[in-house]
Amino acid sequence: MTETPKPRILVSGETLVDFLPEQPGALSDVSSFDRRPGGAPANVAVALSKLDETPWFWTRIADDPFGDFLADTLAESLPDRFVERDSDAKTTLAFVTHDEAGDREFSFYRDGTADTQLRPGGVSDDVLADVEWVYVGGVMLASNPGRRATLDLAERAKRAGCSVVFDPNARPELWPENGYLDMVDQMLRLSDVVKATPEDLRTAGFDAENPINLAVDVCENGPHTCLLTLGENGAHAHATEDAPWDENTLSHPGYDVSVEDTTGAGDAFTAGALASLASGEPLSEVLAFANAVAALTTTESGAMTALPNRPSVAQIRKS
């Protein structure tokens, strides 16, 4: 009997319910929504499993009907070892609106909800000694105790020799004034790889207009590599001399697809990048593979429900 290999990636963060509109427009004009599982880290974790790189996933979900829905969804593709249930809190809800181009905005109901209640120590040092990569997202840093749990995890992961991947994932409505800037600055010093959008970084105080300069500026604050997603224009990467690959600055133009919904595209990119990084691929392959995963995700509605597998990624890369 073949033993299932231990995960080499740990993903940590929120799992929530996205309500997607049945038509574009402002939230006040939308009359009906479609319920979908979401949360950036949850999207990343499920996407990794579809790419044959099943991770550990540390999250906390409510013991309510929405939480049951999320738990059942995660159980389809992920081990439940670090999926905590909370009987004293509700599930986070995010109402999504989008324009005709598929670009979206979020309205969160997330005051004291289950995903915010992660406590430090939920993942042991022994587990961190067995994994190579640890991913954390910025939303978990917006409030305590989830903030303390995330910072504790990143600090211990660094000490254990893991590579820490950070996605700032700016959601200004969740943050007190200057809170986002301070936390991003703190996390950059703990991170090896940052995946971000220009908007994420400008919200965090980086003011360079050129994506190349933005990525360079990020790397001057701690990480050895910055992966910058540019929507329909693909992605850009910059790596310092401390990075474990030969390439330093490069771009990939992305793939031409018919876009239906961009929800979760950045998370799909992150999963593609993580899968490639964990396999020791060169940075050029990381960008190409991640862009293909992200592009395919935009061709259907939803985040988790639109995630591709490796054969479909290989097919779009041939086209």
Protein backbone atom coordinates (compact mmCIF):
# COMPACT_ATOMS: atom_id res chain seq x y z
CA MET A 1 0.00 0.00 0.00
CA THR A 2 1.44 3.37 -1.05
CA GLU A 3 1.79 5.85 1.80
CA THR A 4 0.28 9.28 1.17
CA PRO A 5 3.11 11.82 1.16
CA LYS A 6 3.07 14.49 3.83
CA PRO A 7 2.15 17.96 2.56
CA ARG A 8 5.11 20.22 1.87
CA ILE A 9 2.93 23.36 1.94
CA LEU A 10 0.90 24.81 4.82
CA VAL A 11 -1.79 27.39 4.02
CA SER A 12 -3.29 29.48 6.82
CA GLY A 13 -6.22 31.87 6.93
CA GLU A 14 -9.90 32.54 6.42
CA THR A 15 -12.65 30.45 4.93
CA LEU A 16 -15.90 32.31 4.25
CA VAL A 17 -18.98 32.43 2.07
CA ASP A 18 -19.01 34.62 -1.04
CA PHE A 19 -22.34 35.78 -2.38
CA LEU A 20 -21.91 36.41 -6.10
CA PRO A 21 -24.37 38.68 -7.94
CA GLU A 22 -26.45 37.34 -10.78
CA GLN A 23 -25.84 40.53 -12.73
CA PRO A 24 -23.24 43.33 -12.71
CA GLY A 25 -23.88 46.58 -10.91
CA ALA A 26 -23.88 48.25 -7.51
CA LEU A 27 -24.76 46.20 -4.42
CA SER A 28 -27.91 48.24 -3.90
CA ASP A 29 -29.14 47.27 -7.37
CA VAL A 30 -28.49 43.52 -7.15
CA SER A 31 -31.61 41.51 -6.31
CA SER A 32 -30.20 37.98 -6.05
CA PHE A 33 -26.92 36.26 -5.27
CA ASP A 34 -25.36 32.82 -5.68
CA ARG A 35 -23.69 31.29 -2.60
CA ARG A 36 -20.11 30.09 -3.12
CA PRO A 37 -17.26 29.01 -0.80
CA GLY A 38 -14.43 31.53 -0.62
CA GLY A 39 -11.69 33.26 1.31
CA ALA A 40 -8.28 33.80 -0.29
CA PRO A 41 -6.37 31.16 1.74
CA ALA A 42 -9.18 28.62 1.28
CA ASN A 43 -9.11 29.28 -2.46
CA VAL A 44 -5.34 28.80 -2.50
CA ALA A 45 -5.53 25.56 -0.51
CA VAL A 46 -8.24 24.01 -2.69
CA ALA A 47 -6.50 25.16 -5.87
CA LEU A 48 -3.29 23.48 -4.73
CA SER A 49 -5.14 20.21 -4.21
CA LYS A 50 -6.50 20.40 -7.76
CA LEU A 51 -2.92 20.90 -8.96
CA ASP A 52 -1.82 17.69 -7.18
CA GLU A 53 -0.06 19.58 -4.38
CA THR A 54 -2.48 19.03 -1.48
CA PRO A 55 -1.47 21.23 1.48
CA TRP A 56 -2.29 21.36 5.14
CA PHE A 57 -4.90 24.07 5.69
CA TRP A 58 -5.23 25.81 9.06
CA THR A 59 -8.53 27.65 9.32
CA ARG A 60 -11.47 28.14 11.69
CA ILE A 61 -15.08 27.88 10.57
CA ALA A 62 -18.34 28.31 12.42
CA ASP A 63 -20.52 25.53 13.75
CA ASP A 64 -23.54 26.90 11.89
CA PRO A 65 -25.24 25.97 8.59
CA PHE A 66 -22.84 28.08 6.53
CA GLY A 67 -19.96 26.50 8.42
CA ASP A 68 -21.30 23.03 7.61
CA PHE A 69 -21.38 24.04 3.94
CA LEU A 70 -17.77 25.21 4.11
CA ALA A 71 -16.58 22.15 6.04
CA ASP A 72 -18.19 19.83 3.49
CA THR A 73 -16.58 21.78 0.66
CA LEU A 74 -13.10 21.65 2.17
CA ALA A 75 -13.45 17.93 2.95
CA GLU A 76 -13.82 17.18 -0.75
CA SER A 77 -10.16 17.97 -1.39
CA LEU A 78 -8.27 18.76 1.83
CA PRO A 79 -7.32 16.95 5.04
CA ASP A 80 -9.23 18.24 8.06
CA ARG A 81 -6.42 17.99 10.60
CA PHE A 82 -6.18 21.78 11.06
CA VAL A 83 -9.77 22.73 10.22
CA GLU A 84 -11.15 24.04 13.52
CA ARG A 85 -14.86 24.49 14.31
CA ASP A 86 -16.21 27.34 16.47
CA SER A 87 -19.57 26.98 18.23
CA ASP A 88 -19.53 30.56 19.56
CA ALA A 89 -19.12 32.54 16.34
CA LYS A 90 -20.84 32.92 12.99
CA THR A 91 -19.52 32.51 9.46
CA THR A 92 -18.00 35.47 7.64
CA LEU A 93 -20.08 36.60 4.65
CA ALA A 94 -18.74 38.59 1.69
CA PHE A 95 -21.08 40.13 -0.86
CA VAL A 96 -19.36 40.57 -4.19
CA THR A 97 -20.26 43.06 -6.88
CA HIS A 98 -18.64 43.37 -10.29
CA ASP A 99 -18.73 45.55 -13.38
CA GLU A 100 -19.15 44.51 -17.01
CA ALA A 101 -15.43 43.66 -17.26
CA GLY A 102 -15.64 41.25 -14.32
CA ASP A 103 -13.68 43.44 -11.88
CA ARG A 104 -15.13 43.10 -8.41
CA GLU A 105 -15.55 44.74 -5.00
CA PHE A 106 -16.37 43.15 -1.63
CA SER A 107 -18.67 44.06 1.26
CA PHE A 108 -17.75 42.05 4.37
CA TYR A 109 -19.80 40.93 7.38
CA ARG A 110 -16.86 39.89 9.57
CA ASP A 111 -17.16 41.22 13.13
CA GLY A 112 -15.95 38.52 15.54
CA THR A 113 -16.70 35.73 13.09
CA ALA A 114 -15.14 32.29 13.30
CA ASP A 115 -12.26 32.87 10.91
CA THR A 116 -11.04 35.80 13.02
CA GLN A 117 -10.75 33.57 16.10
CA LEU A 118 -7.63 31.55 15.24
CA ARG A 119 -5.36 31.32 18.27
CA PRO A 120 -1.55 31.04 18.31
CA GLY A 121 -0.21 27.51 18.49
CA GLY A 122 -2.81 25.74 16.37
CA VAL A 123 0.03 24.38 14.23
CA SER A 124 2.91 22.82 16.16
CA ASP A 125 6.62 23.29 15.60
CA ASP A 126 6.83 19.60 14.66
CA VAL A 127 4.46 20.19 11.74
CA LEU A 128 6.44 23.24 10.63
CA ALA A 129 9.59 21.14 10.68
CA ASP A 130 7.99 18.85 8.07
CA VAL A 131 6.74 21.49 5.61
CA GLU A 132 8.82 23.64 3.26
CA TRP A 133 6.43 26.48 2.40
CA VAL A 134 3.97 28.46 4.54
CA TYR A 135 1.41 30.82 3.00
CA VAL A 136 -0.43 33.56 4.93
CA GLY A 137 -2.78 36.29 3.72
CA GLY A 138 -3.36 39.87 4.76
CA VAL A 139 -7.04 39.62 5.73
CA MET A 140 -6.18 37.54 8.81
CA LEU A 141 -3.97 40.38 10.04
CA ALA A 142 -6.88 42.84 10.22
CA SER A 143 -8.03 41.84 13.72
CA ASN A 144 -7.09 39.83 16.79
CA PRO A 145 -6.74 37.06 17.80
CA GLY A 146 -6.25 36.01 14.16
CA ARG A 147 -3.51 38.62 13.76
CA ARG A 148 -1.49 37.24 16.67
CA ALA A 149 -1.97 33.69 15.40
CA THR A 150 -0.77 34.62 11.90
CA LEU A 151 2.29 36.54 13.09
CA ASP A 152 3.18 33.74 15.50
CA LEU A 153 2.91 31.19 12.68
CA ALA A 154 5.10 33.25 10.34
CA GLU A 155 7.74 33.83 13.01
CA ARG A 156 7.94 30.15 13.95
CA ALA A 157 7.93 29.11 10.29
CA LYS A 158 10.96 31.32 9.66
CA ARG A 159 12.78 29.79 12.62
CA ALA A 160 11.94 26.33 11.30
CA GLY A 161 13.53 27.13 7.95
CA CYS A 162 10.27 27.32 5.97
CA SER A 163 9.88 29.74 3.08
CA VAL A 164 7.09 32.19 3.99
CA VAL A 165 4.80 33.42 1.21
CA PHE A 166 2.67 36.50 1.93
CA ASP A 167 -0.26 37.95 0.00
CA PRO A 168 -1.19 41.42 1.39
CA ASN A 169 -4.68 41.19 -0.18
CA ALA A 170 -5.70 44.76 0.64
CA ARG A 171 -9.25 45.15 1.93
CA PRO A 172 -9.23 48.72 3.34
CA GLU A 173 -12.73 48.45 4.80
CA LEU A 174 -11.46 45.84 7.29
CA TRP A 175 -8.65 48.00 8.69
CA PRO A 176 -8.32 50.89 11.15
CA GLU A 177 -6.35 53.91 9.90
CA ASN A 178 -2.70 53.01 9.11
CA GLY A 179 -3.22 49.50 10.46
CA TYR A 180 -2.74 47.89 7.06
CA LEU A 181 0.51 49.79 6.40
CA ASP A 182 1.99 48.75 9.75
CA MET A 183 1.07 45.09 9.37
CA VAL A 184 2.34 44.83 5.80
CA ASP A 185 5.63 46.37 6.90
CA GLN A 186 5.90 43.82 9.71
CA MET A 187 5.02 40.89 7.45
CA LEU A 188 7.46 41.89 4.74
CA ARG A 189 10.29 41.41 7.23
CA LEU A 190 9.05 37.86 7.88
CA SER A 191 8.44 36.93 4.23
CA ASP A 192 10.59 35.29 1.58
CA VAL A 193 8.14 35.65 -1.30
CA VAL A 194 5.40 38.27 -1.71
CA LYS A 195 2.60 37.91 -4.22
CA ALA A 196 0.63 41.14 -4.67
CA THR A 197 -1.16 43.49 -7.02
CA PRO A 198 0.00 47.07 -7.60
CA GLU A 199 -3.13 48.20 -5.71
CA ASP A 200 -2.17 46.05 -2.69
CA LEU A 201 1.25 47.68 -2.59
CA ARG A 202 0.11 51.25 -3.15
CA THR A 203 -2.43 50.84 -0.36
CA ALA A 204 0.53 49.75 1.77
CA GLY A 205 2.43 52.96 1.00
CA PHE A 206 4.56 51.96 -2.01
CA ASP A 207 4.26 54.73 -4.57
CA ALA A 208 6.25 53.65 -7.63
CA GLU A 209 4.16 53.85 -10.80
CA ASN A 210 6.15 51.28 -12.77
CA PRO A 211 5.48 47.63 -11.77
CA ILE A 212 9.18 46.83 -12.07
CA ASN A 213 10.04 49.54 -9.56
CA LEU A 214 7.20 48.43 -7.26
CA ALA A 215 8.59 44.91 -7.13
CA VAL A 216 12.11 46.18 -6.49
CA ASP A 217 10.88 48.40 -3.66
CA VAL A 218 9.11 45.46 -2.01
CA CYS A 219 12.25 43.35 -2.10
CA GLU A 220 14.20 46.13 -0.44
CA ASN A 221 11.95 45.68 2.60
CA GLY A 222 12.69 42.02 3.31
CA PRO A 223 11.48 39.43 0.77
CA HIS A 224 13.91 38.01 -1.77
CA THR A 225 11.17 37.66 -4.41
CA CYS A 226 8.09 39.66 -5.42
CA LEU A 227 5.46 38.29 -7.80
CA LEU A 228 3.29 41.10 -9.11
CA THR A 229 0.02 40.24 -10.84
CA LEU A 230 -1.14 42.68 -13.51
CA GLY A 231 -4.56 41.39 -14.55
CA GLU A 232 -4.95 41.04 -18.31
CA ASN A 233 -1.32 42.14 -18.70
CA GLY A 234 0.04 39.01 -17.02
CA ALA A 235 2.59 39.17 -14.24
CA HIS A 236 6.02 40.49 -13.34
CA ALA A 237 8.66 39.05 -11.03
CA HIS A 238 11.72 40.48 -9.35
CA ALA A 239 14.22 38.52 -7.27
CA THR A 240 17.29 39.64 -5.36
CA GLU A 241 20.65 37.91 -5.29
CA ASP A 242 19.48 36.11 -2.14
CA ALA A 243 16.76 34.26 -4.06
CA PRO A 244 17.36 30.55 -4.80
CA TRP A 245 17.04 30.90 -8.59
CA ASP A 246 19.17 32.38 -11.34
CA GLU A 247 16.61 34.75 -12.88
CA ASN A 248 16.19 38.22 -11.40
CA THR A 249 13.68 40.30 -13.36
CA LEU A 250 11.19 38.96 -15.87
CA SER A 251 7.60 39.23 -17.07
CA HIS A 252 4.96 36.99 -18.63
CA PRO A 253 2.15 38.45 -20.78
CA GLY A 254 -0.57 36.10 -19.56
CA TYR A 255 -3.15 34.24 -21.67
CA ASP A 256 -6.00 35.56 -23.78
CA VAL A 257 -9.29 34.14 -22.47
CA SER A 258 -12.95 35.14 -22.36
CA VAL A 259 -13.40 36.58 -18.86
CA GLU A 260 -16.62 35.90 -16.96
CA ASP A 261 -15.55 36.60 -13.36
CA THR A 262 -12.19 37.58 -11.87
CA THR A 263 -13.10 36.45 -8.33
CA GLY A 264 -10.32 34.22 -7.04
CA ALA A 265 -7.99 34.77 -10.00
CA GLY A 266 -5.23 36.16 -7.78
CA ASP A 267 -5.60 33.21 -5.42
CA ALA A 268 -5.40 30.80 -8.34
CA PHE A 269 -2.20 32.56 -9.45
CA THR A 270 -0.80 32.15 -5.94
CA ALA A 271 -1.62 28.44 -5.92
CA GLY A 272 0.01 27.96 -9.32
CA ALA A 273 3.09 29.84 -8.17
CA LEU A 274 3.29 27.86 -4.92
CA ALA A 275 2.94 24.54 -6.73
CA SER A 276 5.78 25.51 -9.08
CA LEU A 277 7.96 26.90 -6.31
CA ALA A 278 7.52 23.75 -4.22
CA SER A 279 8.63 21.70 -7.23
CA GLY A 280 11.79 23.77 -7.65
CA GLU A 281 10.82 25.23 -11.02
CA PRO A 282 12.71 28.25 -12.42
CA LEU A 283 11.07 31.64 -11.95
CA SER A 284 10.07 31.87 -15.62
CA GLU A 285 8.11 28.62 -15.29
CA VAL A 286 6.56 29.84 -12.03
CA LEU A 287 5.14 32.91 -13.81
CA ALA A 288 3.92 31.01 -16.87
CA PHE A 289 2.23 28.24 -14.91
CA ALA A 290 0.65 30.61 -12.39
CA ASN A 291 -0.68 32.86 -15.16
CA ALA A 292 -2.29 29.88 -16.87
CA VAL A 293 -4.01 28.76 -13.66
CA ALA A 294 -5.28 32.29 -13.04
CA ALA A 295 -6.51 32.78 -16.60
CA LEU A 296 -8.57 29.60 -16.56
CA THR A 297 -10.18 30.60 -13.26
CA THR A 298 -11.62 33.77 -14.83
CA THR A 299 -13.52 31.85 -17.52
CA GLU A 300 -16.17 30.66 -15.02
CA SER A 301 -18.07 32.22 -12.14
CA GLY A 302 -16.80 31.83 -8.58
CA ALA A 303 -13.45 31.15 -6.98
CA MET A 304 -13.21 27.53 -5.77
CA THR A 305 -15.82 26.35 -8.27
CA ALA A 306 -13.74 27.54 -11.24
CA LEU A 307 -10.34 26.11 -10.31
CA PRO A 308 -8.49 24.11 -13.01
CA ASN A 309 -6.47 20.90 -12.86
CA ARG A 310 -3.07 20.24 -14.41
CA PRO A 311 -4.35 18.82 -17.73
CA SER A 312 -6.45 21.93 -18.40
CA VAL A 313 -3.49 24.15 -17.50
CA ALA A 314 -1.29 22.21 -19.89
CA GLN A 315 -3.90 22.61 -22.62
CA ILE A 316 -4.12 26.41 -22.38
CA ARG A 317 -0.34 26.66 -22.39
CA LYS A 318 -0.25 24.83 -25.73
CA SER A 319 -2.78 27.17 -27.32
